[in-house]
Amino acid sequence: MTEKDFDNPMIVHFKPEGVKEDEDFKVDWKQVERKVKEKYPTLKLVYSRADAKEGDLAFSVLRIKRDLIN
């Protein structure tokens, strides 16, 4: 990765479906990150963060293939 990978990244917000507000549930951001890397190995995941119920993933837009983000 280069410094340009962190310039103006594409932020994707995620929130698991089917989770009730009172349900004891916590997002495992490491598992989300791992699954994204498995499914989209050519995307550069710059960072990820999550709280108990949702989170964000940031992808480098440097040399990104547009067909991957549609």
C-alpha atoms as a PDB file:
ATOM      1  CA  MET A   1       0.000   0.000   0.000  1.00  0.00           C
ATOM      2  CA  THR A   2       1.023   3.522  -0.630  1.00  0.00           C
ATOM      3  CA  GLU A   3       0.019   6.819   0.935  1.00  0.00           C
ATOM      4  CA  LYS A   4      -2.286   7.440  -2.058  1.00  0.00           C
ATOM      5  CA  ASP A   5      -4.341   4.390  -1.084  1.00  0.00           C
ATOM      6  CA  PHE A   6      -5.528   6.368   1.940  1.00  0.00           C
ATOM      7  CA  ASP A   7      -6.485   9.492  -0.062  1.00  0.00           C
ATOM      8  CA  ASN A   8     -10.250   9.809  -0.391  1.00  0.00           C
ATOM      9  CA  PRO A   9     -11.152   6.129   0.139  1.00  0.00           C
ATOM     10  CA  MET A  10     -14.555   4.721  -0.770  1.00  0.00           C
ATOM     11  CA  ILE A  11     -16.456   4.154   2.489  1.00  0.00           C
ATOM     12  CA  VAL A  12     -19.021   1.344   2.604  1.00  0.00           C
ATOM     13  CA  HIS A  13     -21.364   1.186   5.577  1.00  0.00           C
ATOM     14  CA  PHE A  14     -22.643  -2.227   6.648  1.00  0.00           C
ATOM     15  CA  LYS A  15     -25.348  -3.342   9.015  1.00  0.00           C
ATOM     16  CA  PRO A  16     -26.332  -6.997   9.470  1.00  0.00           C
ATOM     17  CA  GLU A  17     -29.903  -7.793   8.481  1.00  0.00           C
ATOM     18  CA  GLY A  18     -32.353  -9.564  10.748  1.00  0.00           C
ATOM     19  CA  VAL A  19     -30.784  -8.450  14.028  1.00  0.00           C
ATOM     20  CA  LYS A  20     -33.325  -7.222  16.566  1.00  0.00           C
ATOM     21  CA  GLU A  21     -32.516  -4.152  18.645  1.00  0.00           C
ATOM     22  CA  ASP A  22     -32.741  -6.039  21.948  1.00  0.00           C
ATOM     23  CA  GLU A  23     -30.825  -9.076  20.658  1.00  0.00           C
ATOM     24  CA  ASP A  24     -27.452  -9.804  22.237  1.00  0.00           C
ATOM     25  CA  PHE A  25     -25.341  -9.509  19.082  1.00  0.00           C
ATOM     26  CA  LYS A  26     -21.981  -8.014  18.216  1.00  0.00           C
ATOM     27  CA  VAL A  27     -20.419  -7.547  14.781  1.00  0.00           C
ATOM     28  CA  ASP A  28     -17.150  -9.429  14.410  1.00  0.00           C
ATOM     29  CA  TRP A  29     -15.346  -6.901  12.205  1.00  0.00           C
ATOM     30  CA  LYS A  30     -12.382  -9.235  11.725  1.00  0.00           C
ATOM     31  CA  GLN A  31     -14.696 -11.860  10.233  1.00  0.00           C
ATOM     32  CA  VAL A  32     -16.358  -9.248   7.990  1.00  0.00           C
ATOM     33  CA  GLU A  33     -12.933  -8.062   6.812  1.00  0.00           C
ATOM     34  CA  ARG A  34     -11.782 -11.624   6.145  1.00  0.00           C
ATOM     35  CA  LYS A  35     -14.924 -12.472   4.109  1.00  0.00           C
ATOM     36  CA  VAL A  36     -14.611  -9.302   2.016  1.00  0.00           C
ATOM     37  CA  LYS A  37     -10.965 -10.083   1.241  1.00  0.00           C
ATOM     38  CA  GLU A  38     -11.915 -13.649   0.247  1.00  0.00           C
ATOM     39  CA  LYS A  39     -14.751 -12.585  -2.040  1.00  0.00           C
ATOM     40  CA  TYR A  40     -13.047  -9.502  -3.536  1.00  0.00           C
ATOM     41  CA  PRO A  41      -9.292 -10.162  -3.434  1.00  0.00           C
ATOM     42  CA  THR A  42      -8.465  -7.372  -5.901  1.00  0.00           C
ATOM     43  CA  LEU A  43     -10.005  -4.645  -3.736  1.00  0.00           C
ATOM     44  CA  LYS A  44      -7.602  -2.939  -1.343  1.00  0.00           C
ATOM     45  CA  LEU A  45      -9.246  -2.774   2.048  1.00  0.00           C
ATOM     46  CA  VAL A  46      -7.629   0.205   3.758  1.00  0.00           C
ATOM     47  CA  TYR A  47      -9.398  -0.033   7.113  1.00  0.00           C
ATOM     48  CA  SER A  48     -12.473  -1.357   8.848  1.00  0.00           C
ATOM     49  CA  ARG A  49     -14.246  -0.442  12.023  1.00  0.00           C
ATOM     50  CA  ALA A  50     -17.410  -1.536  13.748  1.00  0.00           C
ATOM     51  CA  ASP A  51     -19.427  -1.088  16.865  1.00  0.00           C
ATOM     52  CA  ALA A  52     -21.765  -3.709  18.262  1.00  0.00           C
ATOM     53  CA  LYS A  53     -24.430  -3.493  15.533  1.00  0.00           C
ATOM     54  CA  GLU A  54     -22.849  -1.967  12.384  1.00  0.00           C
ATOM     55  CA  GLY A  55     -19.647  -0.656  10.860  1.00  0.00           C
ATOM     56  CA  ASP A  56     -17.699   0.782   7.940  1.00  0.00           C
ATOM     57  CA  LEU A  57     -15.176  -0.540   5.442  1.00  0.00           C
ATOM     58  CA  ALA A  58     -12.845   1.767   3.507  1.00  0.00           C
ATOM     59  CA  PHE A  59     -11.436   0.780   0.134  1.00  0.00           C
ATOM     60  CA  SER A  60      -8.665   2.425  -1.834  1.00  0.00           C
ATOM     61  CA  VAL A  61      -9.906   3.979  -5.073  1.00  0.00           C
ATOM     62  CA  LEU A  62      -6.399   4.003  -6.527  1.00  0.00           C
ATOM     63  CA  ARG A  63      -6.548   1.906  -9.722  1.00  0.00           C
ATOM     64  CA  ILE A  64      -9.893   0.391  -8.701  1.00  0.00           C
ATOM     65  CA  LYS A  65     -11.803  -1.652 -11.247  1.00  0.00           C
ATOM     66  CA  ARG A  66     -15.230  -0.025 -11.438  1.00  0.00           C
ATOM     67  CA  ASP A  67     -17.036  -3.290 -12.222  1.00  0.00           C
ATOM     68  CA  LEU A  68     -16.195  -4.496  -8.690  1.00  0.00           C
ATOM     69  CA  ILE A  69     -18.101  -1.686  -6.989  1.00  0.00           C
ATOM     70  CA  ASN A  70     -21.405  -1.836  -8.843  1.00  0.00           C
END
